Amino acid sequence: MYDKLEENKELATKLIDLMLTYSIKDSHIYLELLNKEAQFYQRRLITLETNKPFWFERKKMKEHNKEINKCESKLMTIYLKIEEEMDLIIKMNN
């Protein structure tokens, strides 16, 4: 009976290790996805700065500024998600 209990504990430990390994791999894939999304918004910001309307085009400038604020907000959200995911990976590694 004692051997069976030890065998079950060993099997449970291996199963937990396997689950953690795949969770960490999933987190790395999610981080890659977030990185691609961040790159998209960074490129969008560069494009917006390059194609900035003239100062006398007020309506276009308002829309332009709204789009910049939207991109910056999205980037901040993505960076927070990246931070949370990194914290999760660190916890899973310990």
Protein backbone atom coordinates (compact mmCIF):
# COMPACT_ATOMS: atom_id res chain seq x y z
CA MET A 1 0.00 0.00 0.00
CA TYR A 2 2.85 2.35 0.83
CA ASP A 3 4.41 1.73 -2.60
CA LYS A 4 1.13 2.53 -4.32
CA LEU A 5 0.86 5.84 -2.41
CA GLU A 6 4.43 6.78 -3.33
CA GLU A 7 3.77 5.87 -6.95
CA ASN A 8 0.64 8.06 -6.99
CA LYS A 9 2.54 11.00 -5.47
CA GLU A 10 5.30 10.63 -8.04
CA LEU A 11 2.78 10.44 -10.87
CA ALA A 12 0.93 13.52 -9.56
CA THR A 13 4.21 15.44 -9.33
CA LYS A 14 5.11 14.53 -12.91
CA LEU A 15 1.64 15.52 -14.11
CA ILE A 16 1.85 18.90 -12.36
CA ASP A 17 5.30 19.51 -13.85
CA LEU A 18 3.97 18.67 -17.30
CA MET A 19 1.01 21.03 -16.88
CA LEU A 20 3.30 23.85 -15.71
CA THR A 21 5.61 23.29 -18.68
CA TYR A 22 2.74 23.62 -21.14
CA SER A 23 1.30 26.61 -19.28
CA ILE A 24 4.65 28.36 -19.56
CA LYS A 25 4.82 27.55 -23.28
CA ASP A 26 1.30 28.93 -23.72
CA SER A 27 2.33 32.09 -21.88
CA HIS A 28 5.32 32.54 -24.19
CA ILE A 29 3.06 32.24 -27.23
CA TYR A 30 0.66 34.78 -25.71
CA LEU A 31 3.60 37.13 -25.10
CA GLU A 32 4.60 36.81 -28.76
CA LEU A 33 1.04 37.70 -29.76
CA LEU A 34 1.04 40.74 -27.46
CA ASN A 35 4.41 41.77 -28.86
CA LYS A 36 3.07 41.65 -32.44
CA GLU A 37 0.05 43.69 -31.38
CA ALA A 38 2.30 46.26 -29.69
CA GLN A 39 4.46 46.47 -32.82
CA PHE A 40 1.34 47.16 -34.89
CA TYR A 41 0.32 50.11 -32.70
CA GLN A 42 3.89 51.43 -32.57
CA ARG A 43 4.03 51.40 -36.37
CA ARG A 44 0.62 53.06 -36.47
CA LEU A 45 1.91 55.85 -34.21
CA ILE A 46 4.95 56.35 -36.45
CA THR A 47 2.66 56.53 -39.49
CA LEU A 48 0.42 59.06 -37.77
CA GLU A 49 3.40 61.22 -36.83
CA THR A 50 4.72 61.05 -40.39
CA ASN A 51 1.38 62.01 -41.93
CA LYS A 52 0.48 64.73 -39.47
CA PRO A 53 -2.04 67.28 -40.83
CA PHE A 54 -1.11 70.92 -41.14
CA TRP A 55 -1.90 73.23 -38.21
CA PHE A 56 -4.70 74.99 -40.13
CA GLU A 57 -6.59 71.71 -40.75
CA ARG A 58 -8.35 71.72 -37.39
CA LYS A 59 -10.88 68.96 -38.01
CA LYS A 60 -8.23 66.63 -39.36
CA MET A 61 -5.94 67.53 -36.47
CA LYS A 62 -8.64 66.65 -33.91
CA GLU A 63 -9.22 63.26 -35.54
CA HIS A 64 -5.48 62.75 -35.80
CA ASN A 65 -5.00 63.46 -32.10
CA LYS A 66 -7.88 61.13 -31.18
CA GLU A 67 -6.24 58.35 -33.18
CA ILE A 68 -2.89 58.98 -31.47
CA ASN A 69 -4.54 58.85 -28.04
CA LYS A 70 -6.32 55.63 -28.99
CA CYS A 71 -3.06 54.00 -30.09
CA GLU A 72 -1.24 55.14 -26.95
CA SER A 73 -4.06 53.80 -24.79
CA LYS A 74 -3.97 50.45 -26.58
CA LEU A 75 -0.19 50.29 -26.13
CA MET A 76 -0.49 50.97 -22.41
CA THR A 77 -3.08 48.20 -22.08
CA ILE A 78 -0.83 45.78 -23.99
CA TYR A 79 2.18 46.66 -21.82
CA LEU A 80 0.13 45.99 -18.68
CA LYS A 81 -0.94 42.61 -20.06
CA ILE A 82 2.70 41.80 -20.85
CA GLU A 83 3.70 42.69 -17.31
CA GLU A 84 0.96 40.47 -15.84
CA GLU A 85 1.95 37.57 -18.08
CA MET A 86 5.63 37.95 -17.16
CA ASP A 87 4.70 37.88 -13.47
CA LEU A 88 2.68 34.73 -14.07
CA ILE A 89 5.61 33.03 -15.85
CA ILE A 90 7.94 33.94 -12.99
CA LYS A 91 5.49 32.47 -10.47
CA MET A 92 5.14 29.27 -12.50
CA ASN A 93 8.93 28.89 -12.72
CA ASN A 94 9.28 29.09 -8.94
